[in-house]
PDB file of N, CA and C in Angstrom:
ATOM      1  N   MET A   1     -29.950  -4.170   6.248  1.00  0.00           N
ATOM      2  CA  MET A   1     -28.511  -4.134   6.228  1.00  0.00           C
ATOM      3  C   MET A   1     -27.998  -3.681   7.591  1.00  0.00           C
ATOM      4  N   ASP A   2     -26.985  -4.346   8.045  1.00  0.00           N
ATOM      5  CA  ASP A   2     -26.428  -3.923   9.326  1.00  0.00           C
ATOM      6  C   ASP A   2     -25.367  -2.846   9.091  1.00  0.00           C
ATOM      7  N   ALA A   3     -24.845  -2.290  10.169  1.00  0.00           N
ATOM      8  CA  ALA A   3     -23.896  -1.174  10.092  1.00  0.00           C
ATOM      9  C   ALA A   3     -22.621  -1.589   9.389  1.00  0.00           C
ATOM     10  N   THR A   4     -22.148  -2.795   9.594  1.00  0.00           N
ATOM     11  CA  THR A   4     -20.901  -3.249   8.986  1.00  0.00           C
ATOM     12  C   THR A   4     -21.033  -3.317   7.464  1.00  0.00           C
ATOM     13  N   ALA A   5     -22.146  -3.797   6.961  1.00  0.00           N
ATOM     14  CA  ALA A   5     -22.370  -3.892   5.518  1.00  0.00           C
ATOM     15  C   ALA A   5     -22.435  -2.499   4.888  1.00  0.00           C
ATOM     16  N   LYS A   6     -23.098  -1.560   5.577  1.00  0.00           N
ATOM     17  CA  LYS A   6     -23.175  -0.191   5.060  1.00  0.00           C
ATOM     18  C   LYS A   6     -21.798   0.456   5.015  1.00  0.00           C
ATOM     19  N   GLU A   7     -20.998   0.229   6.045  1.00  0.00           N
ATOM     20  CA  GLU A   7     -19.640   0.785   6.071  1.00  0.00           C
ATOM     21  C   GLU A   7     -18.797   0.184   4.940  1.00  0.00           C
ATOM     22  N   TYR A   8     -18.959  -1.108   4.724  1.00  0.00           N
ATOM     23  CA  TYR A   8     -18.213  -1.780   3.669  1.00  0.00           C
ATOM     24  C   TYR A   8     -18.592  -1.208   2.300  1.00  0.00           C
ATOM     25  N   MET A   9     -19.901  -0.997   2.064  1.00  0.00           N
ATOM     26  CA  MET A   9     -20.353  -0.417   0.801  1.00  0.00           C
ATOM     27  C   MET A   9     -19.831   1.004   0.634  1.00  0.00           C
ATOM     28  N   MET A  10     -19.839   1.765   1.717  1.00  0.00           N
ATOM     29  CA  MET A  10     -19.361   3.135   1.676  1.00  0.00           C
ATOM     30  C   MET A  10     -17.871   3.163   1.352  1.00  0.00           C
ATOM     31  N   ASP A  11     -17.095   2.273   1.954  1.00  0.00           N
ATOM     32  CA  ASP A  11     -15.659   2.202   1.693  1.00  0.00           C
ATOM     33  C   ASP A  11     -15.396   1.835   0.235  1.00  0.00           C
ATOM     34  N   ASN A  12     -16.153   0.882  -0.298  1.00  0.00           N
ATOM     35  CA  ASN A  12     -15.984   0.482  -1.691  1.00  0.00           C
ATOM     36  C   ASN A  12     -16.345   1.615  -2.648  1.00  0.00           C
ATOM     37  N   THR A  13     -17.396   2.346  -2.354  1.00  0.00           N
ATOM     38  CA  THR A  13     -17.819   3.462  -3.192  1.00  0.00           C
ATOM     39  C   THR A  13     -16.756   4.561  -3.182  1.00  0.00           C
ATOM     40  N   GLN A  14     -16.242   4.855  -2.007  1.00  0.00           N
ATOM     41  CA  GLN A  14     -15.197   5.875  -1.901  1.00  0.00           C
ATOM     42  C   GLN A  14     -13.938   5.433  -2.660  1.00  0.00           C
ATOM     43  N   ALA A  15     -13.580   4.182  -2.528  1.00  0.00           N
ATOM     44  CA  ALA A  15     -12.403   3.672  -3.235  1.00  0.00           C
ATOM     45  C   ALA A  15     -12.612   3.754  -4.744  1.00  0.00           C
ATOM     46  N   LEU A  16     -13.818   3.459  -5.209  1.00  0.00           N
ATOM     47  CA  LEU A  16     -14.129   3.540  -6.628  1.00  0.00           C
ATOM     48  C   LEU A  16     -14.002   4.976  -7.133  1.00  0.00           C
ATOM     49  N   ILE A  17     -14.574   5.905  -6.393  1.00  0.00           N
ATOM     50  CA  ILE A  17     -14.518   7.315  -6.795  1.00  0.00           C
ATOM     51  C   ILE A  17     -13.078   7.818  -6.789  1.00  0.00           C
ATOM     52  N   ILE A  18     -12.321   7.469  -5.755  1.00  0.00           N
ATOM     53  CA  ILE A  18     -10.917   7.873  -5.674  1.00  0.00           C
ATOM     54  C   ILE A  18     -10.125   7.258  -6.831  1.00  0.00           C
ATOM     55  N   GLY A  19     -10.406   6.015  -7.174  1.00  0.00           N
ATOM     56  CA  GLY A  19      -9.727   5.353  -8.288  1.00  0.00           C
ATOM     57  C   GLY A  19     -10.026   6.018  -9.615  1.00  0.00           C
ATOM     58  N   ILE A  20     -11.278   6.373  -9.837  1.00  0.00           N
ATOM     59  CA  ILE A  20     -11.661   7.029 -11.091  1.00  0.00           C
ATOM     60  C   ILE A  20     -11.009   8.397 -11.202  1.00  0.00           C
ATOM     61  N   VAL A  21     -11.074   9.182 -10.139  1.00  0.00           N
ATOM     62  CA  VAL A  21     -10.474  10.523 -10.155  1.00  0.00           C
ATOM     63  C   VAL A  21      -8.956  10.422 -10.288  1.00  0.00           C
ATOM     64  N   GLY A  22      -8.346   9.532  -9.524  1.00  0.00           N
ATOM     65  CA  GLY A  22      -6.888   9.357  -9.601  1.00  0.00           C
ATOM     66  C   GLY A  22      -6.444   8.894 -10.978  1.00  0.00           C
ATOM     67  N   GLY A  23      -7.180   7.956 -11.555  1.00  0.00           N
ATOM     68  CA  GLY A  23      -6.861   7.476 -12.899  1.00  0.00           C
ATOM     69  C   GLY A  23      -7.000   8.578 -13.940  1.00  0.00           C
ATOM     70  N   GLY A  24      -8.019   9.407 -13.785  1.00  0.00           N
ATOM     71  CA  GLY A  24      -8.211  10.531 -14.714  1.00  0.00           C
ATOM     72  C   GLY A  24      -7.068  11.527 -14.630  1.00  0.00           C
ATOM     73  N   ILE A  25      -6.612  11.793 -13.409  1.00  0.00           N
ATOM     74  CA  ILE A  25      -5.502  12.736 -13.234  1.00  0.00           C
ATOM     75  C   ILE A  25      -4.220  12.178 -13.849  1.00  0.00           C
ATOM     76  N   VAL A  26      -3.932  10.914 -13.591  1.00  0.00           N
ATOM     77  CA  VAL A  26      -2.727  10.290 -14.160  1.00  0.00           C
ATOM     78  C   VAL A  26      -2.805  10.279 -15.686  1.00  0.00           C
ATOM     79  N   SER A  27      -3.966   9.937 -16.230  1.00  0.00           N
ATOM     80  CA  SER A  27      -4.146   9.911 -17.678  1.00  0.00           C
ATOM     81  C   SER A  27      -3.941  11.298 -18.279  1.00  0.00           C
ATOM     82  N   TRP A  28      -4.511  12.317 -17.657  1.00  0.00           N
ATOM     83  CA  TRP A  28      -4.348  13.684 -18.146  1.00  0.00           C
ATOM     84  C   TRP A  28      -2.878  14.090 -18.093  1.00  0.00           C
ATOM     85  N   LEU A  29      -2.179  13.757 -17.015  1.00  0.00           N
ATOM     86  CA  LEU A  29      -0.782  14.127 -16.859  1.00  0.00           C
ATOM     87  C   LEU A  29       0.089  13.495 -17.949  1.00  0.00           C
ATOM     88  N   VAL A  30      -0.108  12.211 -18.206  1.00  0.00           N
ATOM     89  CA  VAL A  30       0.664  11.528 -19.254  1.00  0.00           C
ATOM     90  C   VAL A  30       0.375  12.152 -20.619  1.00  0.00           C
ATOM     91  N   THR A  31      -0.878  12.418 -20.913  1.00  0.00           N
ATOM     92  CA  THR A  31      -1.264  13.028 -22.186  1.00  0.00           C
ATOM     93  C   THR A  31      -0.653  14.417 -22.325  1.00  0.00           C
ATOM     94  N   HIS A  32      -0.684  15.193 -21.257  1.00  0.00           N
ATOM     95  CA  HIS A  32      -0.138  16.548 -21.284  1.00  0.00           C
ATOM     96  C   HIS A  32       1.368  16.532 -21.528  1.00  0.00           C
ATOM     97  N   ILE A  33       2.079  15.644 -20.861  1.00  0.00           N
ATOM     98  CA  ILE A  33       3.530  15.536 -21.044  1.00  0.00           C
ATOM     99  C   ILE A  33       3.847  15.121 -22.483  1.00  0.00           C
ATOM    100  N   TYR A  34       3.123  14.137 -23.011  1.00  0.00           N
ATOM    101  CA  TYR A  34       3.342  13.695 -24.388  1.00  0.00           C
ATOM    102  C   TYR A  34       3.054  14.829 -25.375  1.00  0.00           C
ATOM    103  N   TYR A  35       1.975  15.559 -25.144  1.00  0.00           N
ATOM    104  CA  TYR A  35       1.605  16.672 -26.024  1.00  0.00           C
ATOM    105  C   TYR A  35       2.704  17.728 -26.053  1.00  0.00           C
ATOM    106  N   ARG A  36       3.226  18.093 -24.886  1.00  0.00           N
ATOM    107  CA  ARG A  36       4.282  19.114 -24.829  1.00  0.00           C
ATOM    108  C   ARG A  36       5.548  18.636 -25.535  1.00  0.00           C
ATOM    109  N   LYS A  37       5.912  17.368 -25.338  1.00  0.00           N
ATOM    110  CA  LYS A  37       7.120  16.833 -25.979  1.00  0.00           C
ATOM    111  C   LYS A  37       6.942  16.769 -27.494  1.00  0.00           C
ATOM    112  N   SER A  38       5.790  16.298 -27.959  1.00  0.00           N
ATOM    113  CA  SER A  38       5.580  16.184 -29.402  1.00  0.00           C
ATOM    114  C   SER A  38       5.500  17.562 -30.055  1.00  0.00           C
ATOM    115  N   THR A  39       4.933  18.546 -29.367  1.00  0.00           N
ATOM    116  CA  THR A  39       4.894  19.906 -29.893  1.00  0.00           C
ATOM    117  C   THR A  39       6.310  20.459 -30.019  1.00  0.00           C
ATOM    118  N   HIS A  40       7.136  20.221 -29.016  1.00  0.00           N
ATOM    119  CA  HIS A  40       8.529  20.669 -29.063  1.00  0.00           C
ATOM    120  C   HIS A  40       9.262  20.002 -30.226  1.00  0.00           C
ATOM    121  N   ASP A  41       9.108  18.685 -30.360  1.00  0.00           N
ATOM    122  CA  ASP A  41       9.775  17.954 -31.437  1.00  0.00           C
ATOM    123  C   ASP A  41       9.320  18.452 -32.807  1.00  0.00           C
ATOM    124  N   GLN A  42       8.031  18.715 -32.944  1.00  0.00           N
ATOM    125  CA  GLN A  42       7.493  19.203 -34.208  1.00  0.00           C
ATOM    126  C   GLN A  42       8.083  20.574 -34.547  1.00  0.00           C
ATOM    127  N   ASN A  43       8.224  21.436 -33.555  1.00  0.00           N
ATOM    128  CA  ASN A  43       8.808  22.755 -33.786  1.00  0.00           C
ATOM    129  C   ASN A  43      10.275  22.653 -34.190  1.00  0.00           C
ATOM    130  N   VAL A  44      11.008  21.707 -33.608  1.00  0.00           N
ATOM    131  CA  VAL A  44      12.412  21.509 -33.965  1.00  0.00           C
ATOM    132  C   VAL A  44      12.519  21.061 -35.421  1.00  0.00           C
ATOM    133  N   VAL A  45      11.701  20.094 -35.809  1.00  0.00           N
ATOM    134  CA  VAL A  45      11.734  19.607 -37.201  1.00  0.00           C
ATOM    135  C   VAL A  45      11.319  20.725 -38.152  1.00  0.00           C
ATOM    136  N   PHE A  46      10.284  21.461 -37.803  1.00  0.00           N
ATOM    137  CA  PHE A  46       9.801  22.545 -38.668  1.00  0.00           C
ATOM    138  C   PHE A  46      10.884  23.609 -38.850  1.00  0.00           C
ATOM    139  N   SER A  47      11.641  23.897 -37.803  1.00  0.00           N
ATOM    140  CA  SER A  47      12.689  24.915 -37.906  1.00  0.00           C
ATOM    141  C   SER A  47      13.833  24.472 -38.813  1.00  0.00           C
ATOM    142  N   LYS A  48      13.978  23.162 -39.019  1.00  0.00           N
ATOM    143  CA  LYS A  48      15.035  22.641 -39.891  1.00  0.00           C
ATOM    144  C   LYS A  48      14.653  22.685 -41.371  1.00  0.00           C
ATOM    145  N   LEU A  49      13.385  22.906 -41.667  1.00  0.00           N
ATOM    146  CA  LEU A  49      12.940  22.948 -43.062  1.00  0.00           C
ATOM    147  C   LEU A  49      13.371  24.251 -43.720  1.00  0.00           C
ATOM    148  N   SER A  50      13.560  24.212 -45.022  1.00  0.00           N
ATOM    149  CA  SER A  50      13.916  25.432 -45.744  1.00  0.00           C
ATOM    150  C   SER A  50      12.722  26.381 -45.760  1.00  0.00           C
ATOM    151  N   SER A  51      12.998  27.640 -46.046  1.00  0.00           N
ATOM    152  CA  SER A  51      11.918  28.632 -46.044  1.00  0.00           C
ATOM    153  C   SER A  51      10.900  28.344 -47.143  1.00  0.00           C
ATOM    154  N   GLU A  52      11.329  27.771 -48.267  1.00  0.00           N
ATOM    155  CA  GLU A  52      10.396  27.423 -49.343  1.00  0.00           C
ATOM    156  C   GLU A  52       9.377  26.390 -48.878  1.00  0.00           C
ATOM    157  N   ILE A  53       9.873  25.380 -48.185  1.00  0.00           N
ATOM    158  CA  ILE A  53       8.984  24.315 -47.709  1.00  0.00           C
ATOM    159  C   ILE A  53       8.065  24.854 -46.621  1.00  0.00           C
ATOM    160  N   ARG A  54       8.615  25.638 -45.699  1.00  0.00           N
ATOM    161  CA  ARG A  54       7.781  26.226 -44.641  1.00  0.00           C
ATOM    162  C   ARG A  54       6.679  27.082 -45.233  1.00  0.00           C
ATOM    163  N   ASP A  55       7.023  27.914 -46.227  1.00  0.00           N
ATOM    164  CA  ASP A  55       6.014  28.769 -46.858  1.00  0.00           C
ATOM    165  C   ASP A  55       4.939  27.939 -47.547  1.00  0.00           C
ATOM    166  N   ALA A  56       5.342  26.851 -48.201  1.00  0.00           N
ATOM    167  CA  ALA A  56       4.371  25.990 -48.888  1.00  0.00           C
ATOM    168  C   ALA A  56       3.445  25.307 -47.885  1.00  0.00           C
ATOM    169  N   ILE A  57       3.986  24.892 -46.749  1.00  0.00           N
ATOM    170  CA  ILE A  57       3.157  24.249 -45.727  1.00  0.00           C
ATOM    171  C   ILE A  57       2.210  25.266 -45.097  1.00  0.00           C
ATOM    172  N   LEU A  58       2.712  26.467 -44.848  1.00  0.00           N
ATOM    173  CA  LEU A  58       1.898  27.496 -44.194  1.00  0.00           C
ATOM    174  C   LEU A  58       0.924  28.187 -45.147  1.00  0.00           C
ATOM    175  N   ALA A  59       1.046  27.936 -46.445  1.00  0.00           N
ATOM    176  CA  ALA A  59       0.135  28.556 -47.409  1.00  0.00           C
ATOM    177  C   ALA A  59      -1.311  28.155 -47.154  1.00  0.00           C
ATOM    178  N   ASN A  60      -1.529  26.924 -46.725  1.00  0.00           N
ATOM    179  CA  ASN A  60      -2.864  26.427 -46.395  1.00  0.00           C
ATOM    180  C   ASN A  60      -2.835  25.816 -44.988  1.00  0.00           C
ATOM    181  N   PRO A  61      -2.833  26.640 -43.947  1.00  0.00           N
ATOM    182  CA  PRO A  61      -2.689  26.102 -42.587  1.00  0.00           C
ATOM    183  C   PRO A  61      -3.856  25.227 -42.128  1.00  0.00           C
ATOM    184  N   GLU A  62      -5.023  25.365 -42.762  1.00  0.00           N
ATOM    185  CA  GLU A  62      -6.160  24.538 -42.354  1.00  0.00           C
ATOM    186  C   GLU A  62      -6.046  23.116 -42.887  1.00  0.00           C
ATOM    187  N   GLU A  63      -5.195  22.911 -43.877  1.00  0.00           N
ATOM    188  CA  GLU A  63      -4.993  21.573 -44.426  1.00  0.00           C
ATOM    189  C   GLU A  63      -3.820  20.899 -43.731  1.00  0.00           C
ATOM    190  N   LYS A  64      -4.030  19.671 -43.303  1.00  0.00           N
ATOM    191  CA  LYS A  64      -2.937  18.908 -42.716  1.00  0.00           C
ATOM    192  C   LYS A  64      -2.173  18.228 -43.835  1.00  0.00           C
ATOM    193  N   ILE A  65      -0.870  18.183 -43.690  1.00  0.00           N
ATOM    194  CA  ILE A  65      -0.039  17.572 -44.721  1.00  0.00           C
ATOM    195  C   ILE A  65       0.479  16.239 -44.194  1.00  0.00           C
ATOM    196  N   ASN A  66       0.314  15.193 -44.987  1.00  0.00           N
ATOM    197  CA  ASN A  66       0.833  13.887 -44.571  1.00  0.00           C
ATOM    198  C   ASN A  66       2.210  13.683 -45.193  1.00  0.00           C
ATOM    199  N   SER A  67       2.867  12.602 -44.836  1.00  0.00           N
ATOM    200  CA  SER A  67       4.243  12.381 -45.288  1.00  0.00           C
ATOM    201  C   SER A  67       4.318  12.208 -46.807  1.00  0.00           C
ATOM    202  N   LYS A  68       3.306  11.589 -47.413  1.00  0.00           N
ATOM    203  CA  LYS A  68       3.318  11.411 -48.875  1.00  0.00           C
ATOM    204  C   LYS A  68       3.241  12.767 -49.572  1.00  0.00           C
ATOM    205  N   ASP A  69       2.354  13.646 -49.093  1.00  0.00           N
ATOM    206  CA  ASP A  69       2.238  14.978 -49.680  1.00  0.00           C
ATOM    207  C   ASP A  69       3.503  15.801 -49.447  1.00  0.00           C
ATOM    208  N   LEU A  70       4.124  15.632 -48.283  1.00  0.00           N
ATOM    209  CA  LEU A  70       5.368  16.340 -47.991  1.00  0.00           C
ATOM    210  C   LEU A  70       6.473  15.892 -48.944  1.00  0.00           C
ATOM    211  N   MET A  71       6.551  14.585 -49.198  1.00  0.00           N
ATOM    212  CA  MET A  71       7.563  14.087 -50.140  1.00  0.00           C
ATOM    213  C   MET A  71       7.306  14.622 -51.548  1.00  0.00           C
ATOM    214  N   SER A  72       6.053  14.686 -51.962  1.00  0.00           N
ATOM    215  CA  SER A  72       5.723  15.255 -53.280  1.00  0.00           C
ATOM    216  C   SER A  72       6.148  16.719 -53.352  1.00  0.00           C
ATOM    217  N   LEU A  73       5.895  17.439 -52.278  1.00  0.00           N
ATOM    218  CA  LEU A  73       6.283  18.841 -52.225  1.00  0.00           C
ATOM    219  C   LEU A  73       7.804  18.989 -52.307  1.00  0.00           C
ATOM    220  N   LEU A  74       8.514  18.164 -51.574  1.00  0.00           N
ATOM    221  CA  LEU A  74       9.981  18.205 -51.602  1.00  0.00           C
ATOM    222  C   LEU A  74      10.516  17.862 -52.993  1.00  0.00           C
ATOM    223  N   GLU A  75       9.924  16.854 -53.636  1.00  0.00           N
ATOM    224  CA  GLU A  75      10.363  16.467 -54.975  1.00  0.00           C
ATOM    225  C   GLU A  75      10.080  17.580 -55.987  1.00  0.00           C
ATOM    226  N   LYS A  76       8.947  18.269 -55.813  1.00  0.00           N
ATOM    227  CA  LYS A  76       8.616  19.367 -56.715  1.00  0.00           C
ATOM    228  C   LYS A  76       9.627  20.505 -56.561  1.00  0.00           C
ATOM    229  N   ILE A  77       9.993  20.799 -55.330  1.00  0.00           N
ATOM    230  CA  ILE A  77      10.969  21.863 -55.085  1.00  0.00           C
ATOM    231  C   ILE A  77      12.355  21.446 -55.584  1.00  0.00           C
ATOM    232  N   ALA A  78      12.686  20.159 -55.401  1.00  0.00           N
ATOM    233  CA  ALA A  78      14.009  19.659 -55.813  1.00  0.00           C
ATOM    234  C   ALA A  78      14.080  19.333 -57.299  1.00  0.00           C
ATOM    235  N   ASN A  79      12.953  19.426 -58.002  1.00  0.00           N
ATOM    236  CA  ASN A  79      12.893  19.097 -59.441  1.00  0.00           C
ATOM    237  C   ASN A  79      13.302  17.656 -59.726  1.00  0.00           C
ATOM    238  N   GLY A  80      12.832  16.731 -58.931  1.00  0.00           N
ATOM    239  CA  GLY A  80      13.119  15.319 -59.171  1.00  0.00           C
ATOM    240  C   GLY A  80      13.011  14.490 -57.912  1.00  0.00           C
ATOM    241  N   PRO A  81      13.196  13.176 -58.050  1.00  0.00           N
ATOM    242  CA  PRO A  81      13.076  12.299 -56.888  1.00  0.00           C
ATOM    243  C   PRO A  81      14.153  12.604 -55.845  1.00  0.00           C
ATOM    244  N   ILE A  82      13.828  12.317 -54.616  1.00  0.00           N
ATOM    245  CA  ILE A  82      14.732  12.593 -53.499  1.00  0.00           C
ATOM    246  C   ILE A  82      15.201  11.280 -52.907  1.00  0.00           C
ATOM    247  N   ASP A  83      16.479  11.218 -52.603  1.00  0.00           N
ATOM    248  CA  ASP A  83      17.041  10.060 -51.917  1.00  0.00           C
ATOM    249  C   ASP A  83      16.638  10.159 -50.444  1.00  0.00           C
ATOM    250  N   THR A  84      15.667   9.352 -50.036  1.00  0.00           N
ATOM    251  CA  THR A  84      15.137   9.454 -48.678  1.00  0.00           C
ATOM    252  C   THR A  84      16.097   8.947 -47.615  1.00  0.00           C
ATOM    253  N   SER A  85      17.133   8.233 -48.002  1.00  0.00           N
ATOM    254  CA  SER A  85      18.078   7.750 -47.000  1.00  0.00           C
ATOM    255  C   SER A  85      18.799   8.910 -46.331  1.00  0.00           C
ATOM    256  N   ARG A  86      18.915  10.045 -47.013  1.00  0.00           N
ATOM    257  CA  ARG A  86      19.557  11.213 -46.424  1.00  0.00           C
ATOM    258  C   ARG A  86      18.627  11.979 -45.500  1.00  0.00           C
ATOM    259  N   LEU A  87      17.334  11.688 -45.521  1.00  0.00           N
ATOM    260  CA  LEU A  87      16.370  12.414 -44.697  1.00  0.00           C
ATOM    261  C   LEU A  87      16.171  11.788 -43.326  1.00  0.00           C
ATOM    262  N   ARG A  88      16.837  10.674 -43.057  1.00  0.00           N
ATOM    263  CA  ARG A  88      16.667  10.026 -41.769  1.00  0.00           C
ATOM    264  C   ARG A  88      17.368  10.815 -40.695  1.00  0.00           C
ATOM    265  N   GLY A  89      16.794  10.843 -39.510  1.00  0.00           N
ATOM    266  CA  GLY A  89      17.399  11.558 -38.404  1.00  0.00           C
ATOM    267  C   GLY A  89      16.726  11.177 -37.111  1.00  0.00           C
ATOM    268  N   SER A  90      17.107  11.842 -36.063  1.00  0.00           N
ATOM    269  CA  SER A  90      16.473  11.573 -34.781  1.00  0.00           C
ATOM    270  C   SER A  90      16.448  12.838 -33.947  1.00  0.00           C
ATOM    271  N   ILE A  91      15.467  12.880 -33.067  1.00  0.00           N
ATOM    272  CA  ILE A  91      15.324  13.965 -32.107  1.00  0.00           C
ATOM    273  C   ILE A  91      15.072  13.323 -30.760  1.00  0.00           C
ATOM    274  N   ASP A  92      15.911  13.609 -29.816  1.00  0.00           N
ATOM    275  CA  ASP A  92      15.747  13.082 -28.461  1.00  0.00           C
ATOM    276  C   ASP A  92      15.510  11.582 -28.445  1.00  0.00           C
ATOM    277  N   GLY A  93      16.205  10.844 -29.268  1.00  0.00           N
ATOM    278  CA  GLY A  93      16.070   9.398 -29.278  1.00  0.00           C
ATOM    279  C   GLY A  93      14.974   8.866 -30.182  1.00  0.00           C
ATOM    280  N   GLY A  94      14.052   9.711 -30.643  1.00  0.00           N
ATOM    281  CA  GLY A  94      12.996   9.270 -31.549  1.00  0.00           C
ATOM    282  C   GLY A  94      13.474   9.386 -32.983  1.00  0.00           C
ATOM    283  N   HIS A  95      12.994   8.547 -33.856  1.00  0.00           N
ATOM    284  CA  HIS A  95      13.442   8.558 -35.239  1.00  0.00           C
ATOM    285  C   HIS A  95      12.343   9.080 -36.144  1.00  0.00           C
ATOM    286  N   PHE A  96      12.751   9.741 -37.198  1.00  0.00           N
ATOM    287  CA  PHE A  96      11.801  10.189 -38.213  1.00  0.00           C
ATOM    288  C   PHE A  96      12.385   9.969 -39.575  1.00  0.00           C
TER     289      PHE A  96
END
């Protein structure tokens, strides 16, 4: 291999490493920003829940609650079916 070919390979290797590291940093940054925003949104929604619902959710913190289980919990507290059209809302442009 002559000197020009070695330099070309070295430049390509450096560009590859810089691309991988740069891509990892950008990916981490986007994930971190999304995580902080979703945590904030979750805290806002949680603060809007009644104390009965919050206590029921926090009774078993190791268990994750899905939307179906949350609706069952709400119906149990309300003693009947809930009109879900009244539960629609938005936070910072996102809908739930």
